[in-house]
């Protein structure tokens, strides 16, 4: 397992070139784990699965199932390493020894949240941890929103499982849409606050409604071929 932290910039060969499409391109990234040329290059199949920290059991299952499906096909699953949907997305990929990338909001020398240390250790076995923040810097509120653009840019498409009306997952979806990447959203009960944001994405035509992993992959591949 590679545990050293390395600094990369847009001039380095490991730099994911798709990040250069962002309105605000990161000046540097800190990476721990596998070489990003192997798992997150411009030509790599990467999907983002994001959602609410305070998710439901329904959301947990959906996130795991979708992540497992894509990982089984050899896709890299990326998310933010947070509680809730993020955790389940990473876990779903790891269940079958798939590849996952966690884009974190603080320095990689002390990944947040600390309770996810076992998860981050497993991610490093096959994937990578990424952060825009220098080692030693603790995760701050604003870092969570800015890191979402990196999750969106790394991925061929973003799947929002559950999200409140105002949430980081909604920001990731909008970042993805700004890059003309497909945004997909999972419907939930109309009485559930955790599905309010996903339903809004669908009604505002920012996201396309999906009800299965197969459907999600077909939409992403269709958009790629038409683009």
Protein backbone atom coordinates (compact mmCIF):
# COMPACT_ATOMS: atom_id res chain seq x y z
CA UNK A 1 0.00 0.00 0.00
CA UNK A 2 1.34 3.41 -0.98
CA UNK A 3 0.86 5.79 1.92
CA UNK A 4 3.17 8.68 1.04
CA UNK A 5 1.58 12.03 0.22
CA UNK A 6 2.68 13.55 -3.05
CA UNK A 7 2.00 16.98 -4.49
CA UNK A 8 0.99 17.28 -8.14
CA UNK A 9 0.30 20.32 -10.32
CA UNK A 10 -1.20 20.81 -13.81
CA UNK A 11 2.32 20.45 -15.20
CA UNK A 12 2.74 16.90 -13.90
CA UNK A 13 1.99 13.82 -15.98
CA UNK A 14 -0.21 12.42 -13.20
CA UNK A 15 -2.51 15.45 -13.31
CA UNK A 16 -6.07 14.56 -14.47
CA UNK A 17 -6.44 16.82 -17.50
CA UNK A 18 -10.24 16.99 -17.13
CA UNK A 19 -9.70 19.24 -14.09
CA UNK A 20 -8.46 21.94 -16.46
CA UNK A 21 -12.05 22.38 -17.71
CA UNK A 22 -13.11 23.81 -14.37
CA UNK A 23 -13.85 27.50 -14.04
CA UNK A 24 -11.46 27.53 -11.07
CA UNK A 25 -8.71 25.03 -11.78
CA UNK A 26 -6.89 23.76 -8.67
CA UNK A 27 -3.34 25.04 -8.50
CA UNK A 28 -2.21 21.82 -6.87
CA UNK A 29 -3.50 18.56 -5.47
CA UNK A 30 -2.22 16.26 -2.77
CA UNK A 31 -2.57 12.57 -3.53
CA UNK A 32 -2.14 9.45 -1.49
CA UNK A 33 -2.44 5.99 -3.06
CA UNK A 34 -2.37 4.85 -6.65
CA UNK A 35 -1.14 6.91 -9.56
CA UNK A 36 -4.08 8.91 -10.92
CA UNK A 37 -3.00 8.10 -14.47
CA UNK A 38 -4.17 4.55 -13.77
CA UNK A 39 -7.55 5.27 -12.17
CA UNK A 40 -8.60 8.85 -12.94
CA UNK A 41 -7.12 9.87 -16.27
CA UNK A 42 -9.08 11.80 -18.86
CA UNK A 43 -9.95 8.53 -20.62
CA UNK A 44 -10.80 6.55 -17.46
CA UNK A 45 -14.33 5.44 -16.61
CA UNK A 46 -15.11 7.30 -13.39
CA UNK A 47 -18.54 7.87 -11.85
CA UNK A 48 -19.41 10.12 -8.92
CA UNK A 49 -22.00 8.93 -6.41
CA UNK A 50 -22.93 11.58 -3.85
CA UNK A 51 -25.70 12.48 -1.46
CA UNK A 52 -26.89 13.36 2.01
CA UNK A 53 -24.90 12.77 5.15
CA UNK A 54 -28.14 12.22 7.05
CA UNK A 55 -29.40 9.60 4.63
CA UNK A 56 -32.07 6.94 4.97
CA UNK A 57 -31.61 3.17 4.82
CA UNK A 58 -33.16 3.33 1.37
CA UNK A 59 -30.45 5.76 0.30
CA UNK A 60 -27.72 3.63 1.85
CA UNK A 61 -28.81 0.59 -0.14
CA UNK A 62 -29.16 2.49 -3.40
CA UNK A 63 -25.69 4.04 -3.04
CA UNK A 64 -24.08 0.68 -2.28
CA UNK A 65 -25.91 -1.13 -5.09
CA UNK A 66 -25.06 1.49 -7.73
CA UNK A 67 -21.42 1.65 -6.62
CA UNK A 68 -21.07 -2.13 -6.65
CA UNK A 69 -22.57 -2.32 -10.13
CA UNK A 70 -20.19 0.24 -11.62
CA UNK A 71 -17.16 -1.16 -9.77
CA UNK A 72 -17.96 -4.63 -11.11
CA UNK A 73 -17.71 -3.17 -14.62
CA UNK A 74 -14.28 -1.76 -13.83
CA UNK A 75 -15.36 1.83 -13.23
CA UNK A 76 -13.73 3.96 -10.54
CA UNK A 77 -16.27 5.21 -7.99
CA UNK A 78 -15.55 8.64 -6.54
CA UNK A 79 -17.18 10.49 -3.67
CA UNK A 80 -16.31 12.76 -0.78
CA UNK A 81 -15.52 10.33 2.03
CA UNK A 82 -18.16 11.87 4.29
CA UNK A 83 -20.87 10.23 6.37
CA UNK A 84 -24.02 8.85 4.76
CA UNK A 85 -24.24 8.37 1.01
CA UNK A 86 -20.54 9.09 0.42
CA UNK A 87 -19.55 6.34 2.84
CA UNK A 88 -21.94 3.84 1.28
CA UNK A 89 -20.73 4.65 -2.24
CA UNK A 90 -17.13 3.93 -1.29
CA UNK A 91 -18.22 0.85 0.64
CA UNK A 92 -20.18 -0.50 -2.33
CA UNK A 93 -17.12 -0.38 -4.55
CA UNK A 94 -14.86 -1.89 -1.90
CA UNK A 95 -17.26 -4.79 -1.29
CA UNK A 96 -16.06 -6.36 -4.53
CA UNK A 97 -12.47 -5.08 -4.35
CA UNK A 98 -13.32 -2.27 -6.73
CA UNK A 99 -11.51 1.02 -7.15
CA UNK A 100 -12.63 4.10 -5.27
CA UNK A 101 -11.36 7.67 -4.91
CA UNK A 102 -12.22 9.91 -1.96
CA UNK A 103 -11.83 13.65 -2.51
CA UNK A 104 -11.39 15.06 0.98
CA UNK A 105 -11.89 18.53 2.44
CA UNK A 106 -8.80 18.60 4.66
CA UNK A 107 -5.17 17.57 4.67
CA UNK A 108 -4.39 13.95 3.88
CA UNK A 109 -2.14 13.55 6.91
CA UNK A 110 -5.23 13.59 9.13
CA UNK A 111 -8.21 12.62 6.93
CA UNK A 112 -11.63 13.78 8.04
CA UNK A 113 -13.77 12.28 9.45
CA UNK A 114 -11.43 10.39 11.74
CA UNK A 115 -13.99 7.65 12.31
CA UNK A 116 -13.60 6.72 8.63
CA UNK A 117 -9.94 5.82 9.02
CA UNK A 118 -10.63 2.11 8.33
CA UNK A 119 -12.53 3.09 5.17
CA UNK A 120 -9.72 5.35 3.97
CA UNK A 121 -7.22 2.56 4.64
CA UNK A 122 -9.25 0.22 2.42
CA UNK A 123 -9.57 2.84 -0.31
CA UNK A 124 -5.78 3.19 -0.39
CA UNK A 125 -5.39 -0.53 -1.10
CA UNK A 126 -6.76 -0.07 -4.64
CA UNK A 127 -7.63 3.58 -5.09
CA UNK A 128 -6.58 6.98 -3.80
CA UNK A 129 -7.27 9.87 -1.49
CA UNK A 130 -7.15 13.37 -2.99
CA UNK A 131 -7.26 16.83 -1.44
CA UNK A 132 -6.75 20.38 -2.58
CA UNK A 133 -5.75 21.30 0.97
CA UNK A 134 -2.15 21.13 2.17
CA UNK A 135 -1.18 18.54 4.79
CA UNK A 136 -1.79 19.83 8.29
CA UNK A 137 -4.86 21.86 7.32
CA UNK A 138 -8.07 20.76 8.99
CA UNK A 139 -11.30 20.47 7.01
CA UNK A 140 -13.31 23.71 7.13
CA UNK A 141 -16.86 24.41 6.02
CA UNK A 142 -15.92 26.12 2.78
CA UNK A 143 -13.58 23.30 1.78
CA UNK A 144 -16.47 20.87 1.43
CA UNK A 145 -18.16 22.97 -1.25
CA UNK A 146 -15.00 23.71 -3.22
CA UNK A 147 -13.88 20.07 -3.26
CA UNK A 148 -17.20 19.10 -4.89
CA UNK A 149 -16.13 20.62 -8.21
CA UNK A 150 -13.17 18.21 -8.24
CA UNK A 151 -15.47 15.23 -7.69
CA UNK A 152 -17.63 16.43 -10.60
CA UNK A 153 -14.71 17.10 -12.94
CA UNK A 154 -13.06 13.73 -12.35
CA UNK A 155 -16.22 11.87 -13.34
CA UNK A 156 -18.00 11.04 -16.56
CA UNK A 157 -21.28 11.60 -14.74
CA UNK A 158 -22.68 12.32 -11.29
CA UNK A 159 -25.38 10.29 -9.55
CA UNK A 160 -27.20 12.02 -6.68
CA UNK A 161 -28.86 9.45 -4.44
CA UNK A 162 -30.42 11.59 -1.71
CA UNK A 163 -30.02 15.30 -1.03
CA UNK A 164 -31.80 18.03 0.87
CA UNK A 165 -32.90 21.16 -0.96
CA UNK A 166 -29.63 22.90 -0.02
CA UNK A 167 -26.70 20.54 0.21
CA UNK A 168 -23.19 19.84 -1.02
CA UNK A 169 -24.52 17.08 -3.28
CA UNK A 170 -26.64 19.64 -5.13
CA UNK A 171 -23.52 21.74 -5.62
CA UNK A 172 -21.71 18.72 -7.07
CA UNK A 173 -24.62 18.15 -9.45
CA UNK A 174 -24.54 21.76 -10.62
CA UNK A 175 -20.76 21.61 -11.04
CA UNK A 176 -21.20 18.52 -13.19
CA UNK A 177 -23.91 20.19 -15.29
CA UNK A 178 -21.67 23.22 -15.86
CA UNK A 179 -19.12 20.83 -17.35
CA UNK A 180 -21.84 19.36 -19.60
CA UNK A 181 -21.54 16.01 -17.85
CA UNK A 182 -24.71 13.97 -17.27
CA UNK A 183 -26.38 14.38 -13.88
CA UNK A 184 -28.63 11.58 -12.67
CA UNK A 185 -30.92 11.59 -9.64
CA UNK A 186 -32.68 8.84 -7.73
CA UNK A 187 -36.35 9.48 -6.88
CA UNK A 188 -37.56 8.97 -3.33
CA UNK A 189 -40.72 9.47 -1.26
CA UNK A 190 -42.27 12.90 -1.79
CA UNK A 191 -42.53 13.18 2.00
CA UNK A 192 -38.79 12.66 2.54
CA UNK A 193 -36.64 15.78 3.16
CA UNK A 194 -33.66 13.76 1.93
CA UNK A 195 -35.27 13.50 -1.52
CA UNK A 196 -36.35 17.12 -1.82
CA UNK A 197 -33.11 18.12 -3.53
CA UNK A 198 -33.05 15.20 -5.95
CA UNK A 199 -36.64 15.87 -6.97
CA UNK A 200 -35.80 19.54 -7.55
CA UNK A 201 -32.86 18.56 -9.77
CA UNK A 202 -35.22 16.42 -11.82
CA UNK A 203 -38.02 18.99 -12.05
CA UNK A 204 -35.54 21.73 -12.98
CA UNK A 205 -34.21 19.40 -15.71
CA UNK A 206 -30.70 19.53 -14.32
CA UNK A 207 -30.79 15.79 -13.65
CA UNK A 208 -32.34 12.84 -15.40
CA UNK A 209 -34.39 10.46 -13.29
CA UNK A 210 -32.92 6.96 -13.00
CA UNK A 211 -34.20 3.87 -11.24
CA UNK A 212 -31.45 1.31 -11.87
CA UNK A 213 -27.66 1.15 -12.23
CA UNK A 214 -28.04 -0.23 -15.76
CA UNK A 215 -30.16 2.75 -16.75
CA UNK A 216 -27.62 5.12 -15.22
CA UNK A 217 -24.76 3.59 -17.17
CA UNK A 218 -26.73 3.65 -20.43
CA UNK A 219 -27.48 7.35 -20.01
CA UNK A 220 -23.87 8.21 -19.20
CA UNK A 221 -22.57 6.21 -22.18
CA UNK A 222 -25.19 7.73 -24.47
CA UNK A 223 -24.19 11.24 -23.45
CA UNK A 224 -20.52 10.40 -23.98
CA UNK A 225 -21.13 9.07 -27.46
CA UNK A 226 -23.25 12.06 -28.45
CA UNK A 227 -20.72 14.51 -27.06
